[in-house]
């Protein structure tokens, strides 16, 4: 098979995989928009169906280039899986991504609910926005500490940094 034909087949494989992923994304996003989820969270979750077809296409692209590469790739993957704790790493990575995505979505939703809920009690818009942002930041900090605990990273440094930033913020807003 000639080189231009191989390149055309690789590009065609990538385009077909992207098309399948976009069709799956459209179906999922239409379904999720009928729920109570935040629009941002719906769009982020909508990225997930695009990835599997693209990963499969990326796995088979070298096989289109050279038929013997697929066998060597498979042997390399098998040896890597046997020599490393990839399931633990992959599970931790997937858990981290899910926690970050859901945490940010929850933070945005809590912020909107706080602003909207405080609006019913006729509080100034600036105070409502400030309270919403404070809830957002607290939720993001909880997510960060949760991710650090998943990867078993000591939280001493982030806590010290947070304490230093709190002192600096206190001095910055203090009136004389």
C-alpha atoms as a PDB file:
ATOM      1  CA  UNK A   1       0.000   0.000   0.000  1.00  0.00           C
ATOM      2  CA  UNK A   2       1.383   3.419  -0.908  1.00  0.00           C
ATOM      3  CA  UNK A   3       2.185   6.154   1.624  1.00  0.00           C
ATOM      4  CA  UNK A   4      -0.482   8.638   0.420  1.00  0.00           C
ATOM      5  CA  UNK A   5      -3.149   5.937   0.619  1.00  0.00           C
ATOM      6  CA  UNK A   6      -2.082   5.105   4.187  1.00  0.00           C
ATOM      7  CA  UNK A   7      -2.248   8.771   5.172  1.00  0.00           C
ATOM      8  CA  UNK A   8      -5.714   9.075   3.625  1.00  0.00           C
ATOM      9  CA  UNK A   9      -6.880   5.970   5.529  1.00  0.00           C
ATOM     10  CA  UNK A  10      -5.509   7.315   8.820  1.00  0.00           C
ATOM     11  CA  UNK A  11      -7.204  10.685   8.298  1.00  0.00           C
ATOM     12  CA  UNK A  12     -10.429   8.944   7.260  1.00  0.00           C
ATOM     13  CA  UNK A  13     -10.287   6.768  10.400  1.00  0.00           C
ATOM     14  CA  UNK A  14      -9.815   9.868  12.582  1.00  0.00           C
ATOM     15  CA  UNK A  15     -12.690  11.695  10.856  1.00  0.00           C
ATOM     16  CA  UNK A  16     -15.044   8.709  11.204  1.00  0.00           C
ATOM     17  CA  UNK A  17     -14.090   8.311  14.890  1.00  0.00           C
ATOM     18  CA  UNK A  18     -14.651  12.013  15.496  1.00  0.00           C
ATOM     19  CA  UNK A  19     -18.004  11.845  13.685  1.00  0.00           C
ATOM     20  CA  UNK A  20     -19.150   8.892  15.791  1.00  0.00           C
ATOM     21  CA  UNK A  21     -18.015  10.671  18.944  1.00  0.00           C
ATOM     22  CA  UNK A  22     -19.852  13.866  18.009  1.00  0.00           C
ATOM     23  CA  UNK A  23     -23.053  11.961  17.248  1.00  0.00           C
ATOM     24  CA  UNK A  24     -22.840  10.229  20.639  1.00  0.00           C
ATOM     25  CA  UNK A  25     -22.108  13.586  22.296  1.00  0.00           C
ATOM     26  CA  UNK A  26     -25.143  15.198  20.677  1.00  0.00           C
ATOM     27  CA  UNK A  27     -27.406  12.391  21.903  1.00  0.00           C
ATOM     28  CA  UNK A  28     -26.022  12.619  25.440  1.00  0.00           C
ATOM     29  CA  UNK A  29     -26.171  16.424  25.629  1.00  0.00           C
ATOM     30  CA  UNK A  30     -29.772  16.476  24.385  1.00  0.00           C
ATOM     31  CA  UNK A  31     -30.677  13.968  27.053  1.00  0.00           C
ATOM     32  CA  UNK A  32     -28.813  15.816  29.831  1.00  0.00           C
ATOM     33  CA  UNK A  33     -30.279  19.219  28.934  1.00  0.00           C
ATOM     34  CA  UNK A  34     -33.665  17.924  30.033  1.00  0.00           C
ATOM     35  CA  UNK A  35     -32.290  17.437  33.560  1.00  0.00           C
ATOM     36  CA  UNK A  36     -31.601  19.968  36.320  1.00  0.00           C
ATOM     37  CA  UNK A  37     -27.850  19.944  35.700  1.00  0.00           C
ATOM     38  CA  UNK A  38     -25.982  23.181  35.109  1.00  0.00           C
ATOM     39  CA  UNK A  39     -25.307  23.937  31.415  1.00  0.00           C
ATOM     40  CA  UNK A  40     -21.553  23.985  32.041  1.00  0.00           C
ATOM     41  CA  UNK A  41     -21.671  20.534  33.638  1.00  0.00           C
ATOM     42  CA  UNK A  42     -23.747  19.186  30.740  1.00  0.00           C
ATOM     43  CA  UNK A  43     -21.142  20.429  28.248  1.00  0.00           C
ATOM     44  CA  UNK A  44     -18.239  18.971  30.252  1.00  0.00           C
ATOM     45  CA  UNK A  45     -19.936  15.589  30.581  1.00  0.00           C
ATOM     46  CA  UNK A  46     -20.662  15.816  26.860  1.00  0.00           C
ATOM     47  CA  UNK A  47     -16.939  15.502  26.126  1.00  0.00           C
ATOM     48  CA  UNK A  48     -16.827  11.955  27.491  1.00  0.00           C
ATOM     49  CA  UNK A  49     -18.497  10.168  24.496  1.00  0.00           C
ATOM     50  CA  UNK A  50     -16.004  11.718  22.079  1.00  0.00           C
ATOM     51  CA  UNK A  51     -12.956  10.177  23.742  1.00  0.00           C
ATOM     52  CA  UNK A  52     -13.453   6.383  23.253  1.00  0.00           C
ATOM     53  CA  UNK A  53     -13.779   6.488  19.444  1.00  0.00           C
ATOM     54  CA  UNK A  54     -10.764   8.807  19.206  1.00  0.00           C
ATOM     55  CA  UNK A  55      -8.686   6.535  21.464  1.00  0.00           C
ATOM     56  CA  UNK A  56      -9.620   3.518  19.358  1.00  0.00           C
ATOM     57  CA  UNK A  57      -8.726   5.411  16.172  1.00  0.00           C
ATOM     58  CA  UNK A  58      -5.393   6.478  17.682  1.00  0.00           C
ATOM     59  CA  UNK A  59      -4.680   2.868  18.619  1.00  0.00           C
ATOM     60  CA  UNK A  60      -5.349   1.595  15.091  1.00  0.00           C
ATOM     61  CA  UNK A  61      -3.654   4.441  13.179  1.00  0.00           C
ATOM     62  CA  UNK A  62      -0.149   2.907  13.520  1.00  0.00           C
ATOM     63  CA  UNK A  63      -1.590  -0.426  12.401  1.00  0.00           C
ATOM     64  CA  UNK A  64      -2.790   1.228   9.206  1.00  0.00           C
ATOM     65  CA  UNK A  65       0.676   2.656   8.685  1.00  0.00           C
ATOM     66  CA  UNK A  66       2.416  -0.688   9.228  1.00  0.00           C
ATOM     67  CA  UNK A  67       0.603  -3.986   9.803  1.00  0.00           C
ATOM     68  CA  UNK A  68       3.321  -5.308  12.120  1.00  0.00           C
ATOM     69  CA  UNK A  69       3.046  -2.325  14.487  1.00  0.00           C
ATOM     70  CA  UNK A  70      -0.279  -3.496  15.931  1.00  0.00           C
ATOM     71  CA  UNK A  71       1.264  -6.738  17.171  1.00  0.00           C
ATOM     72  CA  UNK A  72       4.254  -4.911  18.656  1.00  0.00           C
ATOM     73  CA  UNK A  73       1.947  -2.338  20.291  1.00  0.00           C
ATOM     74  CA  UNK A  74      -0.106  -5.097  21.853  1.00  0.00           C
ATOM     75  CA  UNK A  75       3.016  -6.805  23.248  1.00  0.00           C
ATOM     76  CA  UNK A  76       4.241  -3.474  24.648  1.00  0.00           C
ATOM     77  CA  UNK A  77       0.877  -2.807  26.303  1.00  0.00           C
ATOM     78  CA  UNK A  78       0.783  -6.306  27.822  1.00  0.00           C
ATOM     79  CA  UNK A  79       4.299  -5.999  29.253  1.00  0.00           C
ATOM     80  CA  UNK A  80       3.490  -2.558  30.667  1.00  0.00           C
ATOM     81  CA  UNK A  81       0.308  -3.843  32.303  1.00  0.00           C
ATOM     82  CA  UNK A  82       2.173  -6.746  33.886  1.00  0.00           C
ATOM     83  CA  UNK A  83       5.024  -4.610  35.227  1.00  0.00           C
ATOM     84  CA  UNK A  84       3.016  -1.697  36.684  1.00  0.00           C
ATOM     85  CA  UNK A  85      -0.025  -1.180  38.864  1.00  0.00           C
ATOM     86  CA  UNK A  86      -1.854   0.453  36.002  1.00  0.00           C
ATOM     87  CA  UNK A  87      -5.308  -0.473  37.247  1.00  0.00           C
ATOM     88  CA  UNK A  88      -4.664   1.385  40.499  1.00  0.00           C
ATOM     89  CA  UNK A  89      -3.276   4.372  38.636  1.00  0.00           C
ATOM     90  CA  UNK A  90      -6.081   4.363  36.058  1.00  0.00           C
ATOM     91  CA  UNK A  91      -8.698   4.039  38.789  1.00  0.00           C
ATOM     92  CA  UNK A  92      -7.156   6.932  40.724  1.00  0.00           C
ATOM     93  CA  UNK A  93      -6.948   9.038  37.565  1.00  0.00           C
ATOM     94  CA  UNK A  94     -10.568   8.364  36.608  1.00  0.00           C
ATOM     95  CA  UNK A  95     -11.692   9.047  40.173  1.00  0.00           C
ATOM     96  CA  UNK A  96      -9.730  12.306  40.181  1.00  0.00           C
ATOM     97  CA  UNK A  97     -11.245  13.472  36.896  1.00  0.00           C
ATOM     98  CA  UNK A  98     -14.773  12.604  38.060  1.00  0.00           C
ATOM     99  CA  UNK A  99     -14.295  14.372  41.389  1.00  0.00           C
ATOM    100  CA  UNK A 100     -12.923  17.493  39.688  1.00  0.00           C
ATOM    101  CA  UNK A 101     -15.691  17.624  37.080  1.00  0.00           C
ATOM    102  CA  UNK A 102     -18.476  16.933  39.556  1.00  0.00           C
ATOM    103  CA  UNK A 103     -16.908  19.198  42.182  1.00  0.00           C
ATOM    104  CA  UNK A 104     -16.715  22.145  39.801  1.00  0.00           C
ATOM    105  CA  UNK A 105     -20.245  21.487  38.610  1.00  0.00           C
ATOM    106  CA  UNK A 106     -21.505  21.305  42.176  1.00  0.00           C
ATOM    107  CA  UNK A 107     -19.571  24.474  43.055  1.00  0.00           C
ATOM    108  CA  UNK A 108     -21.136  26.373  40.157  1.00  0.00           C
ATOM    109  CA  UNK A 109     -24.590  25.085  41.053  1.00  0.00           C
ATOM    110  CA  UNK A 110     -24.170  26.007  44.740  1.00  0.00           C
ATOM    111  CA  UNK A 111     -22.980  29.471  43.710  1.00  0.00           C
ATOM    112  CA  UNK A 112     -26.038  29.997  41.492  1.00  0.00           C
ATOM    113  CA  UNK A 113     -28.411  28.705  44.169  1.00  0.00           C
ATOM    114  CA  UNK A 114     -26.813  31.002  46.775  1.00  0.00           C
ATOM    115  CA  UNK A 115     -27.123  34.063  44.541  1.00  0.00           C
ATOM    116  CA  UNK A 116     -30.679  33.170  43.559  1.00  0.00           C
ATOM    117  CA  UNK A 117     -31.743  32.189  47.080  1.00  0.00           C
ATOM    118  CA  UNK A 118     -30.350  35.329  48.671  1.00  0.00           C
ATOM    119  CA  UNK A 119     -32.089  37.383  45.990  1.00  0.00           C
ATOM    120  CA  UNK A 120     -35.461  36.403  47.405  1.00  0.00           C
ATOM    121  CA  UNK A 121     -34.562  38.075  50.712  1.00  0.00           C
ATOM    122  CA  UNK A 122     -33.721  41.349  48.922  1.00  0.00           C
ATOM    123  CA  UNK A 123     -30.022  41.375  49.742  1.00  0.00           C
ATOM    124  CA  UNK A 124     -27.763  43.618  47.644  1.00  0.00           C
ATOM    125  CA  UNK A 125     -26.424  42.009  44.446  1.00  0.00           C
ATOM    126  CA  UNK A 126     -22.812  42.586  45.506  1.00  0.00           C
ATOM    127  CA  UNK A 127     -23.333  40.726  48.790  1.00  0.00           C
ATOM    128  CA  UNK A 128     -25.140  37.911  46.979  1.00  0.00           C
ATOM    129  CA  UNK A 129     -22.302  37.604  44.463  1.00  0.00           C
ATOM    130  CA  UNK A 130     -19.714  37.637  47.245  1.00  0.00           C
ATOM    131  CA  UNK A 131     -21.555  34.904  49.169  1.00  0.00           C
ATOM    132  CA  UNK A 132     -21.899  32.826  46.007  1.00  0.00           C
ATOM    133  CA  UNK A 133     -18.184  33.134  45.304  1.00  0.00           C
ATOM    134  CA  UNK A 134     -17.317  32.221  48.877  1.00  0.00           C
ATOM    135  CA  UNK A 135     -19.426  29.056  48.587  1.00  0.00           C
ATOM    136  CA  UNK A 136     -17.746  28.317  45.244  1.00  0.00           C
ATOM    137  CA  UNK A 137     -14.244  28.712  46.701  1.00  0.00           C
ATOM    138  CA  UNK A 138     -15.073  26.573  49.745  1.00  0.00           C
ATOM    139  CA  UNK A 139     -16.395  23.803  47.489  1.00  0.00           C
ATOM    140  CA  UNK A 140     -13.304  23.965  45.249  1.00  0.00           C
ATOM    141  CA  UNK A 141     -11.004  23.797  48.294  1.00  0.00           C
ATOM    142  CA  UNK A 142     -12.852  20.696  49.509  1.00  0.00           C
ATOM    143  CA  UNK A 143     -12.421  19.135  46.051  1.00  0.00           C
ATOM    144  CA  UNK A 144      -8.691  19.953  46.048  1.00  0.00           C
ATOM    145  CA  UNK A 145      -8.179  18.335  49.456  1.00  0.00           C
ATOM    146  CA  UNK A 146     -10.197  15.332  48.325  1.00  0.00           C
ATOM    147  CA  UNK A 147      -8.004  14.895  45.232  1.00  0.00           C
ATOM    148  CA  UNK A 148      -4.862  15.247  47.361  1.00  0.00           C
ATOM    149  CA  UNK A 149      -6.132  12.512  49.667  1.00  0.00           C
ATOM    150  CA  UNK A 150      -6.783  10.203  46.703  1.00  0.00           C
ATOM    151  CA  UNK A 151      -3.147  10.494  45.623  1.00  0.00           C
ATOM    152  CA  UNK A 152      -1.980  10.270  49.262  1.00  0.00           C
ATOM    153  CA  UNK A 153      -0.239  13.631  49.146  1.00  0.00           C
ATOM    154  CA  UNK A 154       0.393  15.354  52.462  1.00  0.00           C
ATOM    155  CA  UNK A 155      -1.966  18.260  52.959  1.00  0.00           C
ATOM    156  CA  UNK A 156       0.469  20.117  55.237  1.00  0.00           C
ATOM    157  CA  UNK A 157       1.812  22.431  52.535  1.00  0.00           C
ATOM    158  CA  UNK A 158      -1.606  23.384  51.085  1.00  0.00           C
ATOM    159  CA  UNK A 159      -2.971  24.032  54.588  1.00  0.00           C
ATOM    160  CA  UNK A 160       0.036  26.239  55.430  1.00  0.00           C
ATOM    161  CA  UNK A 161      -0.372  28.096  52.122  1.00  0.00           C
ATOM    162  CA  UNK A 162      -4.088  28.557  52.787  1.00  0.00           C
ATOM    163  CA  UNK A 163      -3.326  29.912  56.249  1.00  0.00           C
ATOM    164  CA  UNK A 164      -0.757  32.342  54.842  1.00  0.00           C
ATOM    165  CA  UNK A 165      -3.185  33.543  52.182  1.00  0.00           C
ATOM    166  CA  UNK A 166      -5.870  34.011  54.828  1.00  0.00           C
ATOM    167  CA  UNK A 167      -3.561  36.185  56.931  1.00  0.00           C
ATOM    168  CA  UNK A 168      -2.536  38.183  53.851  1.00  0.00           C
ATOM    169  CA  UNK A 169      -6.184  38.648  52.850  1.00  0.00           C
ATOM    170  CA  UNK A 170      -7.076  39.750  56.368  1.00  0.00           C
ATOM    171  CA  UNK A 171      -4.356  42.407  56.345  1.00  0.00           C
ATOM    172  CA  UNK A 172      -5.368  43.507  52.842  1.00  0.00           C
ATOM    173  CA  UNK A 173      -9.019  44.160  53.714  1.00  0.00           C
ATOM    174  CA  UNK A 174      -8.367  45.582  57.172  1.00  0.00           C
ATOM    175  CA  UNK A 175      -9.283  49.229  57.479  1.00  0.00           C
ATOM    176  CA  UNK A 176      -7.160  51.610  59.482  1.00  0.00           C
END
